[in-house]
């Protein structure tokens, strides 16, 4: 029953996101009386219609390069209008020169300026929030399961038939299988909802809508093109792999730390007192990661350090990979450090379990 609910929730939430362009209100279509000589240099925009006759906004052209925007009552920002006119006028003027001279003029007047910094995107926040709530949902499973058997005296019966180490490893493996199974259900619901949208229109209208709303920085033609980009771009594929590994290692580490701290508890009240501060630390870690990533100065000073700090890296590492270009060797070092710390925590948690159940 629980699996069916999880699958249904995954499918429903993804479906809502996949059809957001249909149920969210669209901007009112604004008609613009546009100078005829600029019509060849326009970017298609769903909320703007360019016409020759009377319109909501009239733009008067006065040769050789003066444009007058008549007063209007629409909500279209003046900066947007000015930017559209400037872009179209520049491209129109360039067409009067030869191709060789066009290249020279563009190089002279429009230098390529790159700034190595990221910007927060809705997609990055959604992904990291999903990882955070997944973490909260899974980290207490192992400790709660072990302690429930301990308090019900079932643990003593089980340990009479197998070694403590085998039982401990079995419980850890059982928790891993449960996590993988539930994540698999979420992925099935997600892929099913995305697949329905792909069959409908390849996701073209959705991607156009989110681009025009400023929720993503690049304009994609279809959902298939995004998948192909992820497959063809090695750096993106590696980022996905490193993000998954970092989060999974951190998740296992948190599960074992919580077991290590909780194994001495004898009552449910004691267990809650132990786990609550740990949850608060996870919340602080989540918001601190978002804050540091947004602050360019802090990110430059502390980003490379936090990237390699075990547990902190489980959220900070995927967030950084979704917003910045990180060298593959730096991500690999973070994975190795996290794996080493996970093994140490495994030894400590098993020792604590073994000591408390002699």
Protein backbone atom coordinates (compact mmCIF):
# COMPACT_ATOMS: atom_id res chain seq x y z
CA UNK A 1 0.00 0.00 0.00
CA UNK A 2 2.81 2.37 0.92
CA UNK A 3 4.62 1.64 -2.34
CA UNK A 4 1.48 2.39 -4.32
CA UNK A 5 1.04 5.70 -2.50
CA UNK A 6 4.68 6.65 -3.18
CA UNK A 7 4.35 5.79 -6.86
CA UNK A 8 1.09 7.76 -7.12
CA UNK A 9 2.60 10.80 -5.39
CA UNK A 10 5.65 10.75 -7.66
CA UNK A 11 3.50 10.49 -10.77
CA UNK A 12 1.02 13.17 -9.60
CA UNK A 13 3.63 15.74 -8.55
CA UNK A 14 5.64 15.25 -11.74
CA UNK A 15 2.49 15.49 -13.84
CA UNK A 16 1.60 18.80 -12.21
CA UNK A 17 5.07 20.14 -13.07
CA UNK A 18 4.98 18.73 -16.61
CA UNK A 19 1.69 20.54 -17.38
CA UNK A 20 2.46 23.76 -15.53
CA UNK A 21 2.17 25.70 -18.81
CA UNK A 22 -1.51 24.66 -19.05
CA UNK A 23 -2.75 25.40 -15.55
CA UNK A 24 -0.68 28.49 -14.65
CA UNK A 25 -1.99 31.77 -16.04
CA UNK A 26 -0.25 33.02 -19.17
CA UNK A 27 0.77 36.61 -19.67
CA UNK A 28 -1.78 38.59 -21.63
CA UNK A 29 -0.87 38.75 -25.31
CA UNK A 30 0.27 42.26 -26.22
CA UNK A 31 0.09 43.49 -29.82
CA UNK A 32 2.81 45.83 -31.07
CA UNK A 33 2.70 47.97 -34.19
CA UNK A 34 6.23 47.19 -35.30
CA UNK A 35 8.36 48.99 -37.92
CA UNK A 36 8.25 46.89 -41.09
CA UNK A 37 12.02 46.97 -41.74
CA UNK A 38 12.70 45.28 -38.38
CA UNK A 39 10.35 42.32 -38.74
CA UNK A 40 13.05 39.99 -39.99
CA UNK A 41 15.00 40.40 -36.76
CA UNK A 42 12.53 39.34 -34.09
CA UNK A 43 12.67 36.53 -31.56
CA UNK A 44 9.45 34.56 -31.32
CA UNK A 45 7.62 35.38 -28.10
CA UNK A 46 4.38 33.75 -27.00
CA UNK A 47 3.02 36.82 -25.19
CA UNK A 48 3.79 39.37 -27.96
CA UNK A 49 2.13 39.71 -31.37
CA UNK A 50 3.71 41.99 -33.99
CA UNK A 51 1.27 43.66 -36.38
CA UNK A 52 1.14 46.43 -38.98
CA UNK A 53 -2.24 47.90 -38.02
CA UNK A 54 -3.44 49.54 -34.81
CA UNK A 55 -2.15 47.76 -31.72
CA UNK A 56 -1.77 48.00 -27.93
CA UNK A 57 1.67 49.55 -28.38
CA UNK A 58 2.75 51.69 -31.31
CA UNK A 59 6.39 52.17 -32.22
CA UNK A 60 7.07 55.00 -34.65
CA UNK A 61 10.21 54.89 -36.76
CA UNK A 62 11.89 58.16 -37.78
CA UNK A 63 14.85 57.78 -40.13
CA UNK A 64 17.68 57.20 -39.82
CA UNK A 65 17.72 55.63 -36.34
CA UNK A 66 15.10 57.20 -34.08
CA UNK A 67 12.26 55.15 -32.58
CA UNK A 68 9.42 56.58 -30.53
CA UNK A 69 7.36 54.35 -28.20
CA UNK A 70 3.89 55.80 -27.95
CA UNK A 71 2.17 55.93 -24.52
CA UNK A 72 0.39 52.67 -23.71
CA UNK A 73 -1.48 50.95 -20.86
CA UNK A 74 0.10 47.50 -21.00
CA UNK A 75 2.38 45.95 -18.36
CA UNK A 76 5.16 45.20 -20.82
CA UNK A 77 8.33 46.71 -19.26
CA UNK A 78 9.95 49.62 -21.08
CA UNK A 79 13.35 47.93 -20.71
CA UNK A 80 12.06 44.92 -22.63
CA UNK A 81 10.73 47.09 -25.44
CA UNK A 82 13.95 49.09 -25.67
CA UNK A 83 16.05 45.93 -25.70
CA UNK A 84 13.94 44.41 -28.49
CA UNK A 85 14.18 47.57 -30.60
CA UNK A 86 17.90 47.93 -30.03
CA UNK A 87 18.59 44.30 -30.95
CA UNK A 88 16.43 44.39 -34.10
CA UNK A 89 17.86 47.73 -35.23
CA UNK A 90 21.45 46.57 -34.82
CA UNK A 91 20.81 43.39 -36.78
CA UNK A 92 19.00 45.35 -39.47
CA UNK A 93 21.93 47.74 -39.86
CA UNK A 94 24.39 44.85 -40.00
CA UNK A 95 22.55 43.40 -42.98
CA UNK A 96 23.61 46.43 -45.03
CA UNK A 97 27.28 45.37 -44.77
CA UNK A 98 29.11 42.42 -46.25
CA UNK A 99 29.52 39.28 -44.15
CA UNK A 100 33.21 40.00 -43.55
CA UNK A 101 32.49 43.53 -42.36
CA UNK A 102 29.59 42.28 -40.20
CA UNK A 103 31.99 40.01 -38.30
CA UNK A 104 34.44 42.87 -37.76
CA UNK A 105 31.71 45.23 -36.55
CA UNK A 106 30.29 42.66 -34.13
CA UNK A 107 33.75 41.91 -32.75
CA UNK A 108 34.40 45.62 -32.31
CA UNK A 109 31.08 46.62 -30.73
CA UNK A 110 30.02 43.42 -28.95
CA UNK A 111 32.93 41.84 -27.07
CA UNK A 112 32.35 38.44 -25.51
CA UNK A 113 32.29 38.89 -21.74
CA UNK A 114 32.23 35.79 -19.56
CA UNK A 115 31.81 35.85 -15.82
CA UNK A 116 32.65 32.64 -14.00
CA UNK A 117 29.79 32.57 -11.56
CA UNK A 118 26.58 30.70 -11.30
CA UNK A 119 23.08 31.87 -10.64
CA UNK A 120 20.38 30.21 -8.64
CA UNK A 121 17.85 28.45 -10.78
CA UNK A 122 14.49 27.01 -9.91
CA UNK A 123 15.57 23.59 -11.15
CA UNK A 124 18.62 23.51 -8.84
CA UNK A 125 16.51 24.46 -5.82
CA UNK A 126 13.89 21.81 -6.67
CA UNK A 127 16.52 19.07 -7.03
CA UNK A 128 18.33 19.93 -3.81
CA UNK A 129 15.06 20.24 -1.90
CA UNK A 130 14.06 16.79 -3.16
CA UNK A 131 17.37 15.36 -1.94
CA UNK A 132 16.93 17.07 1.42
CA UNK A 133 13.46 15.68 2.05
CA UNK A 134 14.61 12.27 0.81
CA UNK A 135 17.37 12.44 3.39
CA UNK A 136 14.94 13.26 6.19
CA UNK A 137 12.69 10.42 5.14
CA UNK A 138 15.36 7.72 5.15
CA UNK A 139 18.06 8.48 7.75
CA UNK A 140 16.11 7.21 10.75
CA UNK A 141 14.96 3.95 9.16
CA UNK A 142 17.96 1.87 10.21
CA UNK A 143 18.13 3.06 13.83
CA UNK A 144 14.36 2.83 14.33
CA UNK A 145 14.26 -0.71 12.91
CA UNK A 146 17.15 -1.99 15.03
CA UNK A 147 15.88 -0.37 18.24
CA UNK A 148 12.33 -1.64 17.73
CA UNK A 149 13.64 -5.20 17.55
CA UNK A 150 15.86 -4.56 20.53
CA UNK A 151 13.01 -3.31 22.71
CA UNK A 152 10.63 -6.09 21.63
CA UNK A 153 13.18 -8.73 22.68
CA UNK A 154 13.18 -10.00 19.08
CA UNK A 155 16.81 -8.97 18.77
CA UNK A 156 17.95 -11.50 21.39
CA UNK A 157 16.19 -14.30 19.53
CA UNK A 158 17.69 -13.24 16.20
CA UNK A 159 21.21 -12.97 17.65
CA UNK A 160 20.91 -16.51 18.97
CA UNK A 161 20.83 -17.76 15.39
CA UNK A 162 23.39 -15.45 13.74
CA UNK A 163 26.42 -13.35 14.62
CA UNK A 164 26.08 -9.72 15.56
CA UNK A 165 28.16 -8.59 12.60
CA UNK A 166 26.02 -10.60 10.17
CA UNK A 167 22.85 -9.15 11.69
CA UNK A 168 24.26 -5.61 11.53
CA UNK A 169 25.31 -5.99 7.90
CA UNK A 170 21.98 -7.62 7.05
CA UNK A 171 20.06 -4.67 8.51
CA UNK A 172 22.25 -2.21 6.65
CA UNK A 173 21.73 -4.10 3.38
CA UNK A 174 17.99 -4.28 4.04
CA UNK A 175 17.88 -0.51 4.51
CA UNK A 176 19.83 0.01 1.29
CA UNK A 177 17.47 -2.24 -0.67
CA UNK A 178 14.48 -0.38 0.78
CA UNK A 179 15.96 2.98 -0.22
CA UNK A 180 16.81 1.81 -3.74
CA UNK A 181 13.33 0.31 -4.14
CA UNK A 182 11.55 3.47 -3.04
CA UNK A 183 13.77 5.71 -5.16
CA UNK A 184 13.03 3.35 -8.06
CA UNK A 185 9.29 3.84 -7.52
CA UNK A 186 9.79 7.61 -7.55
CA UNK A 187 11.77 7.36 -10.79
CA UNK A 188 9.08 5.18 -12.39
CA UNK A 189 6.41 7.76 -11.54
CA UNK A 190 8.65 10.59 -12.77
CA UNK A 191 9.57 8.87 -16.05
CA UNK A 192 5.93 7.92 -16.69
CA UNK A 193 4.71 11.50 -16.25
CA UNK A 194 7.53 12.89 -18.42
CA UNK A 195 6.86 10.23 -21.05
CA UNK A 196 3.21 11.25 -21.33
CA UNK A 197 4.24 14.87 -21.91
CA UNK A 198 6.81 13.78 -24.51
CA UNK A 199 4.14 11.83 -26.39
CA UNK A 200 1.85 14.87 -26.30
CA UNK A 201 4.12 17.56 -27.78
CA UNK A 202 7.74 16.66 -26.92
CA UNK A 203 7.45 19.21 -24.10
CA UNK A 204 7.97 22.13 -26.52
CA UNK A 205 5.28 24.40 -25.10
CA UNK A 206 6.35 23.64 -21.52
CA UNK A 207 9.98 24.50 -22.23
CA UNK A 208 8.97 27.67 -24.07
CA UNK A 209 6.79 28.74 -21.16
CA UNK A 210 9.41 28.17 -18.42
CA UNK A 211 12.03 29.93 -20.53
CA UNK A 212 9.85 32.99 -21.05
CA UNK A 213 9.05 33.03 -17.34
CA UNK A 214 12.78 33.12 -16.59
CA UNK A 215 12.78 29.81 -14.68
CA UNK A 216 15.53 28.34 -16.87
CA UNK A 217 18.39 30.19 -18.53
CA UNK A 218 18.51 28.31 -21.84
CA UNK A 219 15.84 27.69 -24.44
CA UNK A 220 15.44 24.01 -25.35
CA UNK A 221 13.47 22.68 -28.29
CA UNK A 222 12.16 19.53 -26.59
CA UNK A 223 12.60 17.24 -23.61
CA UNK A 224 14.38 14.76 -25.90
CA UNK A 225 16.98 17.42 -26.72
CA UNK A 226 17.69 17.83 -22.99
CA UNK A 227 18.19 14.07 -22.60
CA UNK A 228 20.48 13.99 -25.63
CA UNK A 229 22.46 16.91 -24.20
CA UNK A 230 22.94 15.06 -20.90
CA UNK A 231 24.10 11.94 -22.76
CA UNK A 232 26.41 13.72 -25.21
CA UNK A 233 27.97 16.14 -22.74
CA UNK A 234 30.48 14.17 -20.68
CA UNK A 235 30.77 16.91 -18.04
CA UNK A 236 27.01 16.87 -17.41
CA UNK A 237 26.91 13.08 -17.23
CA UNK A 238 29.79 13.07 -14.75
CA UNK A 239 28.05 15.74 -12.68
CA UNK A 240 24.94 13.57 -12.40
CA UNK A 241 27.01 10.54 -11.39
CA UNK A 242 29.07 12.47 -8.85
CA UNK A 243 25.95 14.10 -7.40
CA UNK A 244 24.22 10.74 -6.95
CA UNK A 245 27.30 9.13 -5.38
CA UNK A 246 27.92 12.04 -3.03
CA UNK A 247 24.32 12.09 -1.84
CA UNK A 248 24.13 8.30 -1.44
CA UNK A 249 27.38 8.19 0.56
CA UNK A 250 26.16 11.03 2.76
CA UNK A 251 22.79 9.34 3.26
CA UNK A 252 24.45 6.11 4.45
CA UNK A 253 26.77 8.10 6.70
CA UNK A 254 23.86 9.92 8.34
CA UNK A 255 21.98 6.64 8.85
CA UNK A 256 24.96 5.08 10.60
CA UNK A 257 25.66 8.18 12.71
CA UNK A 258 22.05 8.23 13.86
CA UNK A 259 22.28 4.53 14.74
CA UNK A 260 25.54 5.17 16.58
CA UNK A 261 23.92 7.92 18.63
CA UNK A 262 20.62 6.11 19.17
CA UNK A 263 21.78 2.63 20.08
CA UNK A 264 22.00 3.50 23.79
CA UNK A 265 18.38 4.68 23.91
CA UNK A 266 16.00 2.50 25.92
CA UNK A 267 12.76 4.42 25.37
CA UNK A 268 11.09 6.12 22.42
CA UNK A 269 11.32 9.44 24.30
CA UNK A 270 15.09 9.10 24.52
CA UNK A 271 15.26 8.25 20.84
CA UNK A 272 13.32 11.42 19.96
CA UNK A 273 15.62 13.54 22.15
CA UNK A 274 18.64 12.14 20.31
CA UNK A 275 17.26 12.39 16.78
CA UNK A 276 15.67 15.86 16.99
CA UNK A 277 18.97 17.81 17.37
CA UNK A 278 20.38 15.78 14.48
CA UNK A 279 17.44 16.79 12.28
CA UNK A 280 17.95 20.42 13.25
CA UNK A 281 21.59 20.20 12.17
CA UNK A 282 20.48 18.78 8.82
CA UNK A 283 18.08 21.72 8.36
CA UNK A 284 20.87 24.19 9.18
CA UNK A 285 23.17 22.40 6.72
CA UNK A 286 20.54 22.66 3.98
CA UNK A 287 19.94 26.40 4.34
CA UNK A 288 23.63 27.14 4.88
CA UNK A 289 24.46 25.36 1.62
CA UNK A 290 21.90 27.45 -0.27
CA UNK A 291 23.13 30.68 1.34
CA UNK A 292 26.83 30.03 0.70
CA UNK A 293 26.19 29.06 -2.91
CA UNK A 294 24.26 32.28 -3.50
CA UNK A 295 26.98 34.51 -1.99
CA UNK A 296 29.78 34.70 -4.53
CA UNK A 297 32.40 35.87 -2.03
CA UNK A 298 31.56 33.20 0.54
CA UNK A 299 31.41 30.54 -2.13
CA UNK A 300 34.88 31.42 -3.41
CA UNK A 301 36.33 31.34 0.12
CA UNK A 302 34.57 28.31 1.56
CA UNK A 303 33.14 26.41 -1.43
CA UNK A 304 36.25 24.35 -2.18
CA UNK A 305 36.56 23.48 1.52
CA UNK A 306 32.94 22.51 2.18
CA UNK A 307 32.97 20.45 -1.00
CA UNK A 308 35.30 17.98 0.73
CA UNK A 309 33.76 18.00 4.21
CA UNK A 310 31.93 14.69 4.83
CA UNK A 311 28.17 14.95 5.40
CA UNK A 312 28.15 18.63 4.40
CA UNK A 313 29.18 17.59 0.90
CA UNK A 314 26.09 15.39 0.46
CA UNK A 315 23.96 18.50 -0.13
CA UNK A 316 26.63 21.07 -0.96
CA UNK A 317 28.33 18.96 -3.63
CA UNK A 318 25.20 18.31 -5.79
CA UNK A 319 24.16 21.96 -5.37
CA UNK A 320 27.56 23.19 -6.53
CA UNK A 321 27.54 20.83 -9.51
CA UNK A 322 24.12 22.13 -10.58
CA UNK A 323 25.25 25.77 -10.44
CA UNK A 324 29.01 25.90 -11.11
CA UNK A 325 31.67 24.18 -13.20
CA UNK A 326 33.70 22.01 -10.80
CA UNK A 327 36.82 20.10 -11.94
CA UNK A 328 36.21 16.35 -12.09
CA UNK A 329 39.22 15.63 -9.90
CA UNK A 330 37.80 17.87 -7.15
CA UNK A 331 34.51 15.96 -7.23
CA UNK A 332 36.42 12.67 -7.19
CA UNK A 333 38.42 13.75 -4.13
CA UNK A 334 35.15 14.67 -2.40
CA UNK A 335 33.75 11.18 -3.15
CA UNK A 336 36.92 9.46 -1.86
CA UNK A 337 36.98 11.52 1.35
CA UNK A 338 33.29 10.86 1.92
CA UNK A 339 33.77 7.12 1.33
CA UNK A 340 36.64 6.98 3.82
CA UNK A 341 34.58 8.79 6.43
CA UNK A 342 31.64 6.44 5.75
CA UNK A 343 33.83 3.40 6.41
CA UNK A 344 35.08 4.92 9.68
CA UNK A 345 31.50 5.65 10.79
CA UNK A 346 30.52 2.10 9.84
CA UNK A 347 33.22 0.72 12.14
CA UNK A 348 32.24 3.05 15.00
CA UNK A 349 28.52 2.34 14.71
CA UNK A 350 29.09 -1.42 14.60
CA UNK A 351 31.38 -1.21 17.63
CA UNK A 352 28.73 0.77 19.50
CA UNK A 353 26.04 -1.75 18.51
CA UNK A 354 28.22 -4.67 19.49
CA UNK A 355 29.04 -3.13 22.87
CA UNK A 356 25.44 -2.35 23.74
CA UNK A 357 24.15 -5.81 22.88
CA UNK A 358 26.57 -8.15 24.65
